Amino acid sequence: MKRVVDTSFHFLIVVAGLFLLSGVGSLLAYDTQLVVTVGYYFHQLYDSIFELMDPSAITVYLGEQNRPYSLFKIALDTYGYSFTILISSFFFAICFSVLVSYFIMLSSRRGYRSSMKLLDVLDALPDVFIVVSFQIITIWLYKRTDILFFNIYAIHDERTYFLPIVCLSILPVVFLVKQFLFQLKEEESKPYVEFSMAKGFRKSYTVWFHLFRNVRIHFFLHLKPIFLLMLSNLLVIEILFNMNGFMMVLFRASTSSAAAFFVGMFLIFVPFFIVFQAGSYILKKWLNGGEYHV
């Protein structure tokens, strides 16, 4: 019961925070100088309350001519597309980072050090540089082979998937691999690893079936920052690939309609709040059951 109350309170606090954040676009104004318009900010929030009473009437202005569109109609068209990219990138990053970490752990000391240096270089690269590099490489391949391997720019209602998924997953892969390697190296120094090797098990078996099993708990702890990183990068991806995605709609709503901006943030927050709360509950049950051993 206490957990239900705490979760409900947490949910309401975050929703209230999102509502207050929705009007932040009207908090600042510029005439001859930058002015903080607190009164207009609260007026926008007040208007938003009445707009939210009739969600179907909420509109957002899109396109070069700023035409009004129903928020829910646009959301139906773009929400699934954007979060297909996000979720696909998320699972691709998890699977790929596990495999990369596994092979780095099996490599020689020299290979391990070289891999860490490469990860540090990739970690320092900005998102825009990564995306533009992939686009330039694709154009270069097209000029060499006369074959367009990947769509690098969405035109009108076209939708591109492969390059946005790959570009969105690169930085999370780097982050996860570094975290995996840090935890795996700590586990590698523990007695049960030496015991496993002394019994004749190969290093590949010990790393996969023992070390990775014991770092799963740490992996879950990094899911939230990974999700927030990917969510913030998704807007950059949509801009650079000219994708008509949900994050672009949310970006336009942030300056045109506080109510639409709140609804958009709410649609992002709720499903992932449910997923993370359910995952946290299952994880605690699992740990209390004594299944986790370090």
C-alpha atoms as a PDB file:
ATOM      1  CA  MET A   1       0.000   0.000   0.000  1.00  0.00           C
ATOM      2  CA  LYS A   2       2.824   2.374   0.896  1.00  0.00           C
ATOM      3  CA  ARG A   3       4.441   1.712  -2.483  1.00  0.00           C
ATOM      4  CA  VAL A   4       1.200   2.551  -4.314  1.00  0.00           C
ATOM      5  CA  VAL A   5       0.887   5.837  -2.403  1.00  0.00           C
ATOM      6  CA  ASP A   6       4.548   6.739  -3.022  1.00  0.00           C
ATOM      7  CA  THR A   7       4.289   5.902  -6.735  1.00  0.00           C
ATOM      8  CA  SER A   8       1.057   7.896  -7.111  1.00  0.00           C
ATOM      9  CA  PHE A   9       2.589  10.869  -5.308  1.00  0.00           C
ATOM     10  CA  HIS A  10       5.702  10.666  -7.507  1.00  0.00           C
ATOM     11  CA  PHE A  11       3.508  10.514 -10.622  1.00  0.00           C
ATOM     12  CA  LEU A  12       1.446  13.554  -9.592  1.00  0.00           C
ATOM     13  CA  ILE A  13       4.538  15.581  -8.698  1.00  0.00           C
ATOM     14  CA  VAL A  14       6.106  14.884 -12.109  1.00  0.00           C
ATOM     15  CA  VAL A  15       2.853  15.696 -13.944  1.00  0.00           C
ATOM     16  CA  ALA A  16       2.601  18.965 -12.008  1.00  0.00           C
ATOM     17  CA  GLY A  17       6.211  19.728 -12.943  1.00  0.00           C
ATOM     18  CA  LEU A  18       5.468  19.036 -16.615  1.00  0.00           C
ATOM     19  CA  PHE A  19       2.482  21.377 -16.461  1.00  0.00           C
ATOM     20  CA  LEU A  20       4.589  24.183 -14.975  1.00  0.00           C
ATOM     21  CA  LEU A  21       7.277  23.498 -17.579  1.00  0.00           C
ATOM     22  CA  SER A  22       4.763  23.658 -20.439  1.00  0.00           C
ATOM     23  CA  GLY A  23       4.400  27.423 -20.117  1.00  0.00           C
ATOM     24  CA  VAL A  24       8.096  28.210 -19.897  1.00  0.00           C
ATOM     25  CA  GLY A  25       8.106  29.387 -23.530  1.00  0.00           C
ATOM     26  CA  SER A  26       6.033  32.410 -22.456  1.00  0.00           C
ATOM     27  CA  LEU A  27       8.216  33.223 -19.462  1.00  0.00           C
ATOM     28  CA  LEU A  28      10.749  35.213 -21.486  1.00  0.00           C
ATOM     29  CA  ALA A  29      10.067  37.962 -24.003  1.00  0.00           C
ATOM     30  CA  TYR A  30      12.336  40.226 -25.991  1.00  0.00           C
ATOM     31  CA  ASP A  31      11.545  43.735 -27.133  1.00  0.00           C
ATOM     32  CA  THR A  32      14.562  45.998 -26.803  1.00  0.00           C
ATOM     33  CA  GLN A  33      15.877  43.794 -24.011  1.00  0.00           C
ATOM     34  CA  LEU A  34      15.192  40.410 -22.449  1.00  0.00           C
ATOM     35  CA  VAL A  35      12.235  40.566 -20.063  1.00  0.00           C
ATOM     36  CA  VAL A  36      10.887  37.961 -17.636  1.00  0.00           C
ATOM     37  CA  THR A  37       7.093  37.980 -18.065  1.00  0.00           C
ATOM     38  CA  VAL A  38       5.869  36.138 -14.971  1.00  0.00           C
ATOM     39  CA  GLY A  39       2.311  37.462 -15.321  1.00  0.00           C
ATOM     40  CA  TYR A  40       1.996  36.265 -18.924  1.00  0.00           C
ATOM     41  CA  TYR A  41       3.473  32.884 -17.904  1.00  0.00           C
ATOM     42  CA  PHE A  42       0.717  32.276 -15.330  1.00  0.00           C
ATOM     43  CA  HIS A  43      -1.876  33.581 -17.789  1.00  0.00           C
ATOM     44  CA  GLN A  44      -0.733  30.937 -20.292  1.00  0.00           C
ATOM     45  CA  LEU A  45      -0.995  28.224 -17.641  1.00  0.00           C
ATOM     46  CA  TYR A  46      -4.481  29.461 -16.764  1.00  0.00           C
ATOM     47  CA  ASP A  47      -5.544  29.285 -20.415  1.00  0.00           C
ATOM     48  CA  SER A  48      -4.007  25.816 -20.697  1.00  0.00           C
ATOM     49  CA  ILE A  49      -6.287  24.485 -17.956  1.00  0.00           C
ATOM     50  CA  PHE A  50      -9.365  25.396 -20.016  1.00  0.00           C
ATOM     51  CA  GLU A  51      -7.813  24.038 -23.224  1.00  0.00           C
ATOM     52  CA  LEU A  52      -7.076  20.724 -21.503  1.00  0.00           C
ATOM     53  CA  MET A  53     -10.759  20.365 -20.652  1.00  0.00           C
ATOM     54  CA  ASP A  54     -11.360  19.839 -24.378  1.00  0.00           C
ATOM     55  CA  PRO A  55      -8.231  17.974 -25.606  1.00  0.00           C
ATOM     56  CA  SER A  56      -9.656  17.368 -29.077  1.00  0.00           C
ATOM     57  CA  ALA A  57      -9.619  21.129 -29.726  1.00  0.00           C
ATOM     58  CA  ILE A  58      -5.921  21.546 -28.946  1.00  0.00           C
ATOM     59  CA  THR A  59      -4.005  22.583 -32.047  1.00  0.00           C
ATOM     60  CA  VAL A  60      -0.359  22.915 -32.978  1.00  0.00           C
ATOM     61  CA  TYR A  61       1.038  25.065 -35.784  1.00  0.00           C
ATOM     62  CA  LEU A  62       3.335  23.308 -38.262  1.00  0.00           C
ATOM     63  CA  GLY A  63       4.967  23.911 -41.611  1.00  0.00           C
ATOM     64  CA  GLU A  64       6.404  27.004 -43.216  1.00  0.00           C
ATOM     65  CA  GLN A  65       2.966  28.629 -43.310  1.00  0.00           C
ATOM     66  CA  ASN A  66       2.167  27.773 -39.667  1.00  0.00           C
ATOM     67  CA  ARG A  67      -1.046  25.948 -40.469  1.00  0.00           C
ATOM     68  CA  PRO A  68      -3.075  24.713 -37.473  1.00  0.00           C
ATOM     69  CA  TYR A  69      -3.394  20.947 -37.038  1.00  0.00           C
ATOM     70  CA  SER A  70      -5.196  18.892 -34.418  1.00  0.00           C
ATOM     71  CA  LEU A  71      -2.612  17.708 -31.903  1.00  0.00           C
ATOM     72  CA  PHE A  72      -4.062  14.220 -31.594  1.00  0.00           C
ATOM     73  CA  LYS A  73      -4.248  13.740 -35.365  1.00  0.00           C
ATOM     74  CA  ILE A  74      -0.589  14.742 -35.706  1.00  0.00           C
ATOM     75  CA  ALA A  75       0.348  12.618 -32.683  1.00  0.00           C
ATOM     76  CA  LEU A  76      -1.269   9.539 -34.249  1.00  0.00           C
ATOM     77  CA  ASP A  77       0.787  10.086 -37.409  1.00  0.00           C
ATOM     78  CA  THR A  78       4.136  10.812 -35.755  1.00  0.00           C
ATOM     79  CA  TYR A  79       4.209   9.212 -32.283  1.00  0.00           C
ATOM     80  CA  GLY A  80       4.568   5.639 -33.506  1.00  0.00           C
ATOM     81  CA  TYR A  81       7.257   6.603 -36.037  1.00  0.00           C
ATOM     82  CA  SER A  82       9.453   8.466 -33.552  1.00  0.00           C
ATOM     83  CA  PHE A  83       9.197   5.830 -30.859  1.00  0.00           C
ATOM     84  CA  THR A  84       9.815   3.022 -33.326  1.00  0.00           C
ATOM     85  CA  ILE A  85      13.144   4.743 -33.983  1.00  0.00           C
ATOM     86  CA  LEU A  86      13.756   5.275 -30.248  1.00  0.00           C
ATOM     87  CA  ILE A  87      12.876   1.756 -29.076  1.00  0.00           C
ATOM     88  CA  SER A  88      14.676   0.084 -31.992  1.00  0.00           C
ATOM     89  CA  SER A  89      17.797   2.122 -31.219  1.00  0.00           C
ATOM     90  CA  PHE A  90      17.469   1.254 -27.541  1.00  0.00           C
ATOM     91  CA  PHE A  91      17.396  -2.515 -28.110  1.00  0.00           C
ATOM     92  CA  PHE A  92      20.068  -2.313 -30.801  1.00  0.00           C
ATOM     93  CA  ALA A  93      22.314  -0.406 -28.359  1.00  0.00           C
ATOM     94  CA  ILE A  94      21.770  -3.010 -25.632  1.00  0.00           C
ATOM     95  CA  CYS A  95      22.472  -6.038 -27.852  1.00  0.00           C
ATOM     96  CA  PHE A  96      25.431  -4.477 -29.628  1.00  0.00           C
ATOM     97  CA  SER A  97      27.033  -3.153 -26.416  1.00  0.00           C
ATOM     98  CA  VAL A  98      26.787  -6.603 -24.792  1.00  0.00           C
ATOM     99  CA  LEU A  99      28.506  -8.243 -27.762  1.00  0.00           C
ATOM    100  CA  VAL A 100      31.208  -5.563 -27.990  1.00  0.00           C
ATOM    101  CA  SER A 101      31.886  -5.772 -24.249  1.00  0.00           C
ATOM    102  CA  TYR A 102      32.104  -9.555 -24.443  1.00  0.00           C
ATOM    103  CA  PHE A 103      34.684  -9.540 -27.253  1.00  0.00           C
ATOM    104  CA  ILE A 104      36.727  -6.758 -25.632  1.00  0.00           C
ATOM    105  CA  MET A 105      36.876  -8.799 -22.412  1.00  0.00           C
ATOM    106  CA  LEU A 106      38.251 -11.745 -24.406  1.00  0.00           C
ATOM    107  CA  SER A 107      40.857  -9.619 -26.191  1.00  0.00           C
ATOM    108  CA  SER A 108      44.501  -9.209 -25.210  1.00  0.00           C
ATOM    109  CA  ARG A 109      45.716  -6.406 -22.944  1.00  0.00           C
ATOM    110  CA  ARG A 110      46.844  -4.432 -25.953  1.00  0.00           C
ATOM    111  CA  GLY A 111      43.487  -4.925 -27.644  1.00  0.00           C
ATOM    112  CA  TYR A 112      41.675  -3.890 -24.463  1.00  0.00           C
ATOM    113  CA  ARG A 113      43.705  -0.667 -24.141  1.00  0.00           C
ATOM    114  CA  SER A 114      43.188   0.170 -27.827  1.00  0.00           C
ATOM    115  CA  SER A 115      39.459  -0.428 -27.482  1.00  0.00           C
ATOM    116  CA  MET A 116      39.246   1.885 -24.476  1.00  0.00           C
ATOM    117  CA  LYS A 117      41.071   4.637 -26.384  1.00  0.00           C
ATOM    118  CA  LEU A 118      38.649   4.248 -29.303  1.00  0.00           C
ATOM    119  CA  LEU A 119      35.683   4.426 -26.911  1.00  0.00           C
ATOM    120  CA  ASP A 120      37.067   7.636 -25.392  1.00  0.00           C
ATOM    121  CA  VAL A 121      37.370   9.176 -28.864  1.00  0.00           C
ATOM    122  CA  LEU A 122      33.802   8.179 -29.810  1.00  0.00           C
ATOM    123  CA  ASP A 123      32.498   9.444 -26.476  1.00  0.00           C
ATOM    124  CA  ALA A 124      33.920  12.892 -27.231  1.00  0.00           C
ATOM    125  CA  LEU A 125      32.197  13.188 -30.626  1.00  0.00           C
ATOM    126  CA  PRO A 126      29.064  15.383 -30.780  1.00  0.00           C
ATOM    127  CA  ASP A 127      25.805  13.954 -32.156  1.00  0.00           C
ATOM    128  CA  VAL A 128      25.759  16.311 -35.128  1.00  0.00           C
ATOM    129  CA  PHE A 129      29.250  15.215 -36.211  1.00  0.00           C
ATOM    130  CA  ILE A 130      28.238  11.539 -36.115  1.00  0.00           C
ATOM    131  CA  VAL A 131      25.070  12.089 -38.164  1.00  0.00           C
ATOM    132  CA  VAL A 132      26.739  14.310 -40.765  1.00  0.00           C
ATOM    133  CA  SER A 133      29.624  11.814 -41.084  1.00  0.00           C
ATOM    134  CA  PHE A 134      27.204   8.990 -41.893  1.00  0.00           C
ATOM    135  CA  GLN A 135      25.409  11.185 -44.411  1.00  0.00           C
ATOM    136  CA  ILE A 136      28.676  12.179 -46.108  1.00  0.00           C
ATOM    137  CA  ILE A 137      29.819   8.536 -46.267  1.00  0.00           C
ATOM    138  CA  THR A 138      26.469   7.523 -47.801  1.00  0.00           C
ATOM    139  CA  ILE A 139      26.761  10.286 -50.429  1.00  0.00           C
ATOM    140  CA  TRP A 140      30.365   9.277 -51.169  1.00  0.00           C
ATOM    141  CA  LEU A 141      29.301   5.625 -51.657  1.00  0.00           C
ATOM    142  CA  TYR A 142      26.466   6.761 -53.935  1.00  0.00           C
ATOM    143  CA  LYS A 143      28.862   8.781 -56.115  1.00  0.00           C
ATOM    144  CA  ARG A 144      31.256   5.817 -56.291  1.00  0.00           C
ATOM    145  CA  THR A 145      28.761   3.017 -56.909  1.00  0.00           C
ATOM    146  CA  ASP A 146      25.658   4.849 -58.164  1.00  0.00           C
ATOM    147  CA  ILE A 147      23.716   2.964 -55.477  1.00  0.00           C
ATOM    148  CA  LEU A 148      21.920   4.785 -52.649  1.00  0.00           C
ATOM    149  CA  PHE A 149      22.417   2.339 -49.781  1.00  0.00           C
ATOM    150  CA  PHE A 150      20.474   4.356 -47.203  1.00  0.00           C
ATOM    151  CA  ASN A 151      18.001   7.197 -47.295  1.00  0.00           C
ATOM    152  CA  ILE A 152      19.786  10.162 -45.696  1.00  0.00           C
ATOM    153  CA  TYR A 153      16.997  12.737 -45.881  1.00  0.00           C
ATOM    154  CA  ALA A 154      13.229  12.358 -45.650  1.00  0.00           C
ATOM    155  CA  ILE A 155      11.272  14.294 -48.273  1.00  0.00           C
ATOM    156  CA  HIS A 156       7.591  15.121 -47.686  1.00  0.00           C
ATOM    157  CA  ASP A 157       5.950  11.985 -46.232  1.00  0.00           C
ATOM    158  CA  GLU A 158       8.933   9.675 -46.751  1.00  0.00           C
ATOM    159  CA  ARG A 159      10.222   7.822 -43.720  1.00  0.00           C
ATOM    160  CA  THR A 160      13.778   6.731 -43.117  1.00  0.00           C
ATOM    161  CA  TYR A 161      14.700   4.183 -40.457  1.00  0.00           C
ATOM    162  CA  PHE A 162      18.127   2.582 -40.756  1.00  0.00           C
ATOM    163  CA  LEU A 163      20.502   5.552 -40.429  1.00  0.00           C
ATOM    164  CA  PRO A 164      18.468   7.314 -37.700  1.00  0.00           C
ATOM    165  CA  ILE A 165      18.444   4.097 -35.647  1.00  0.00           C
ATOM    166  CA  VAL A 166      22.197   3.584 -36.081  1.00  0.00           C
ATOM    167  CA  CYS A 167      23.096   7.229 -35.378  1.00  0.00           C
ATOM    168  CA  LEU A 168      20.840   7.398 -32.322  1.00  0.00           C
ATOM    169  CA  SER A 169      22.374   4.235 -30.836  1.00  0.00           C
ATOM    170  CA  ILE A 170      26.095   5.076 -31.193  1.00  0.00           C
ATOM    171  CA  LEU A 171      26.540   7.211 -28.064  1.00  0.00           C
ATOM    172  CA  PRO A 172      24.421   4.882 -25.891  1.00  0.00           C
ATOM    173  CA  VAL A 173      26.522   1.947 -27.137  1.00  0.00           C
ATOM    174  CA  VAL A 174      29.709   3.765 -26.116  1.00  0.00           C
ATOM    175  CA  PHE A 175      28.244   4.632 -22.710  1.00  0.00           C
ATOM    176  CA  LEU A 176      26.988   1.093 -22.059  1.00  0.00           C
ATOM    177  CA  VAL A 177      30.208  -0.577 -23.214  1.00  0.00           C
ATOM    178  CA  LYS A 178      32.283   1.586 -20.876  1.00  0.00           C
ATOM    179  CA  GLN A 179      29.931   0.835 -17.985  1.00  0.00           C
ATOM    180  CA  PHE A 180      29.898  -2.887 -18.778  1.00  0.00           C
ATOM    181  CA  LEU A 181      33.690  -3.035 -18.961  1.00  0.00           C
ATOM    182  CA  PHE A 182      34.068  -1.158 -15.683  1.00  0.00           C
ATOM    183  CA  GLN A 183      31.716  -3.556 -13.882  1.00  0.00           C
ATOM    184  CA  LEU A 184      33.137  -6.648 -15.598  1.00  0.00           C
ATOM    185  CA  LYS A 185      36.681  -5.713 -14.599  1.00  0.00           C
ATOM    186  CA  GLU A 186      35.553  -5.359 -10.991  1.00  0.00           C
ATOM    187  CA  GLU A 187      33.868  -8.767 -11.128  1.00  0.00           C
ATOM    188  CA  GLU A 188      36.922 -10.329 -12.768  1.00  0.00           C
ATOM    189  CA  SER A 189      39.007  -9.759  -9.619  1.00  0.00           C
ATOM    190  CA  LYS A 190      36.618 -11.719  -7.387  1.00  0.00           C
ATOM    191  CA  PRO A 191      37.423 -15.238  -6.084  1.00  0.00           C
ATOM    192  CA  TYR A 192      34.631 -17.051  -7.921  1.00  0.00           C
ATOM    193  CA  VAL A 193      36.261 -16.140 -11.260  1.00  0.00           C
ATOM    194  CA  GLU A 194      39.543 -17.748 -10.234  1.00  0.00           C
ATOM    195  CA  PHE A 195      37.598 -20.764  -8.968  1.00  0.00           C
ATOM    196  CA  SER A 196      35.791 -21.088 -12.308  1.00  0.00           C
ATOM    197  CA  MET A 197      39.066 -20.881 -14.237  1.00  0.00           C
ATOM    198  CA  ALA A 198      40.702 -23.395 -11.851  1.00  0.00           C
ATOM    199  CA  LYS A 199      37.902 -25.875 -12.596  1.00  0.00           C
ATOM    200  CA  GLY A 200      38.885 -25.757 -16.250  1.00  0.00           C
ATOM    201  CA  PHE A 201      36.164 -23.493 -17.643  1.00  0.00           C
ATOM    202  CA  ARG A 202      37.254 -21.287 -20.511  1.00  0.00           C
ATOM    203  CA  LYS A 203      37.413 -17.535 -20.110  1.00  0.00           C
ATOM    204  CA  SER A 204      34.678 -17.121 -22.727  1.00  0.00           C
ATOM    205  CA  TYR A 205      32.337 -19.314 -20.640  1.00  0.00           C
ATOM    206  CA  THR A 206      33.210 -17.554 -17.366  1.00  0.00           C
ATOM    207  CA  VAL A 207      32.697 -14.082 -18.834  1.00  0.00           C
ATOM    208  CA  TRP A 208      29.381 -14.900 -20.485  1.00  0.00           C
ATOM    209  CA  PHE A 209      27.721 -17.116 -17.878  1.00  0.00           C
ATOM    210  CA  HIS A 210      29.145 -15.684 -14.645  1.00  0.00           C
ATOM    211  CA  LEU A 211      30.408 -12.128 -15.072  1.00  0.00           C
ATOM    212  CA  PHE A 212      27.575 -10.871 -17.264  1.00  0.00           C
ATOM    213  CA  ARG A 213      24.999 -12.496 -15.010  1.00  0.00           C
ATOM    214  CA  ASN A 214      26.334 -10.556 -12.039  1.00  0.00           C
ATOM    215  CA  VAL A 215      26.427  -7.148 -13.755  1.00  0.00           C
ATOM    216  CA  ARG A 216      22.807  -7.255 -14.933  1.00  0.00           C
ATOM    217  CA  ILE A 217      21.709  -5.324 -11.856  1.00  0.00           C
ATOM    218  CA  HIS A 218      24.049  -2.451 -12.749  1.00  0.00           C
ATOM    219  CA  PHE A 219      22.717  -2.457 -16.305  1.00  0.00           C
ATOM    220  CA  PHE A 220      19.159  -1.698 -15.127  1.00  0.00           C
ATOM    221  CA  LEU A 221      20.419   1.216 -13.025  1.00  0.00           C
ATOM    222  CA  HIS A 222      21.729   2.879 -16.216  1.00  0.00           C
ATOM    223  CA  LEU A 223      18.518   2.483 -18.238  1.00  0.00           C
ATOM    224  CA  LYS A 224      16.985   5.794 -17.171  1.00  0.00           C
ATOM    225  CA  PRO A 225      19.984   7.995 -18.077  1.00  0.00           C
ATOM    226  CA  ILE A 226      20.332   6.056 -21.349  1.00  0.00           C
ATOM    227  CA  PHE A 227      16.666   6.686 -22.144  1.00  0.00           C
ATOM    228  CA  LEU A 228      16.962  10.410 -21.364  1.00  0.00           C
ATOM    229  CA  LEU A 229      20.124  10.645 -23.486  1.00  0.00           C
ATOM    230  CA  MET A 230      18.416   8.991 -26.443  1.00  0.00           C
ATOM    231  CA  LEU A 231      15.245  11.042 -26.028  1.00  0.00           C
ATOM    232  CA  SER A 232      17.173  14.314 -26.118  1.00  0.00           C
ATOM    233  CA  ASN A 233      19.212  13.139 -29.114  1.00  0.00           C
ATOM    234  CA  LEU A 234      16.047  12.089 -30.959  1.00  0.00           C
ATOM    235  CA  LEU A 235      15.182  15.738 -31.638  1.00  0.00           C
ATOM    236  CA  VAL A 236      18.623  16.287 -33.194  1.00  0.00           C
ATOM    237  CA  ILE A 237      18.162  13.163 -35.338  1.00  0.00           C
ATOM    238  CA  GLU A 238      14.729  14.315 -36.540  1.00  0.00           C
ATOM    239  CA  ILE A 239      16.065  17.745 -37.490  1.00  0.00           C
ATOM    240  CA  LEU A 240      19.137  16.471 -39.358  1.00  0.00           C
ATOM    241  CA  PHE A 241      17.217  13.761 -41.250  1.00  0.00           C
ATOM    242  CA  ASN A 242      14.221  16.066 -41.878  1.00  0.00           C
ATOM    243  CA  MET A 243      11.953  13.520 -40.210  1.00  0.00           C
ATOM    244  CA  ASN A 244       8.325  14.443 -39.580  1.00  0.00           C
ATOM    245  CA  GLY A 245       8.492  12.981 -36.095  1.00  0.00           C
ATOM    246  CA  PHE A 246       6.827  13.523 -32.755  1.00  0.00           C
ATOM    247  CA  MET A 247       9.791  15.376 -31.238  1.00  0.00           C
ATOM    248  CA  MET A 248       9.585  17.986 -34.004  1.00  0.00           C
ATOM    249  CA  VAL A 249       5.882  18.423 -33.227  1.00  0.00           C
ATOM    250  CA  LEU A 250       6.737  18.792 -29.550  1.00  0.00           C
ATOM    251  CA  PHE A 251       9.429  21.338 -30.375  1.00  0.00           C
ATOM    252  CA  ARG A 252       6.992  23.473 -32.388  1.00  0.00           C
ATOM    253  CA  ALA A 253       4.351  23.129 -29.667  1.00  0.00           C
ATOM    254  CA  SER A 254       6.792  24.428 -27.042  1.00  0.00           C
ATOM    255  CA  THR A 255       6.631  27.891 -28.623  1.00  0.00           C
ATOM    256  CA  SER A 256       3.064  27.924 -29.960  1.00  0.00           C
ATOM    257  CA  SER A 257       0.804  26.150 -27.452  1.00  0.00           C
ATOM    258  CA  ALA A 258       1.465  25.426 -23.781  1.00  0.00           C
ATOM    259  CA  ALA A 259      -1.426  22.945 -23.643  1.00  0.00           C
ATOM    260  CA  ALA A 260      -0.127  21.022 -26.669  1.00  0.00           C
ATOM    261  CA  PHE A 261       3.378  21.009 -25.205  1.00  0.00           C
ATOM    262  CA  PHE A 262       2.056  19.592 -21.921  1.00  0.00           C
ATOM    263  CA  VAL A 263       0.043  16.865 -23.659  1.00  0.00           C
ATOM    264  CA  GLY A 264       3.082  15.924 -25.769  1.00  0.00           C
ATOM    265  CA  MET A 265       5.344  15.637 -22.717  1.00  0.00           C
ATOM    266  CA  PHE A 266       2.615  13.681 -20.917  1.00  0.00           C
ATOM    267  CA  LEU A 267       2.394  11.185 -23.801  1.00  0.00           C
ATOM    268  CA  ILE A 268       6.146  10.634 -23.546  1.00  0.00           C
ATOM    269  CA  PHE A 269       6.245  10.417 -19.761  1.00  0.00           C
ATOM    270  CA  VAL A 270       3.359   8.039 -18.969  1.00  0.00           C
ATOM    271  CA  PRO A 271       4.335   4.867 -20.893  1.00  0.00           C
ATOM    272  CA  PHE A 272       7.960   5.023 -19.796  1.00  0.00           C
ATOM    273  CA  PHE A 273       6.975   5.805 -16.198  1.00  0.00           C
ATOM    274  CA  ILE A 274       4.871   2.639 -16.187  1.00  0.00           C
ATOM    275  CA  VAL A 275       7.685   0.571 -17.736  1.00  0.00           C
ATOM    276  CA  PHE A 276      10.357   1.810 -15.314  1.00  0.00           C
ATOM    277  CA  GLN A 277       8.111   1.451 -12.273  1.00  0.00           C
ATOM    278  CA  ALA A 278       7.196  -2.101 -13.284  1.00  0.00           C
ATOM    279  CA  GLY A 279      10.866  -2.892 -13.918  1.00  0.00           C
ATOM    280  CA  SER A 280      11.839  -1.446 -10.536  1.00  0.00           C
ATOM    281  CA  TYR A 281       9.153  -3.508  -8.797  1.00  0.00           C
ATOM    282  CA  ILE A 282      10.238  -6.743 -10.527  1.00  0.00           C
ATOM    283  CA  LEU A 283      13.891  -6.016  -9.759  1.00  0.00           C
ATOM    284  CA  LYS A 284      13.206  -5.480  -6.059  1.00  0.00           C
ATOM    285  CA  LYS A 285      11.190  -8.700  -5.898  1.00  0.00           C
ATOM    286  CA  TRP A 286      14.039 -10.523  -7.612  1.00  0.00           C
ATOM    287  CA  LEU A 287      16.662  -9.132  -5.239  1.00  0.00           C
ATOM    288  CA  ASN A 288      14.555  -9.839  -2.159  1.00  0.00           C
ATOM    289  CA  GLY A 289      14.204 -13.395  -3.382  1.00  0.00           C
ATOM    290  CA  GLY A 290      17.949 -13.814  -3.046  1.00  0.00           C
ATOM    291  CA  GLU A 291      18.600 -14.591  -6.664  1.00  0.00           C
ATOM    292  CA  TYR A 292      21.323 -12.013  -7.040  1.00  0.00           C
ATOM    293  CA  HIS A 293      24.729 -13.078  -5.854  1.00  0.00           C
ATOM    294  CA  VAL A 294      27.950 -11.122  -6.190  1.00  0.00           C
END
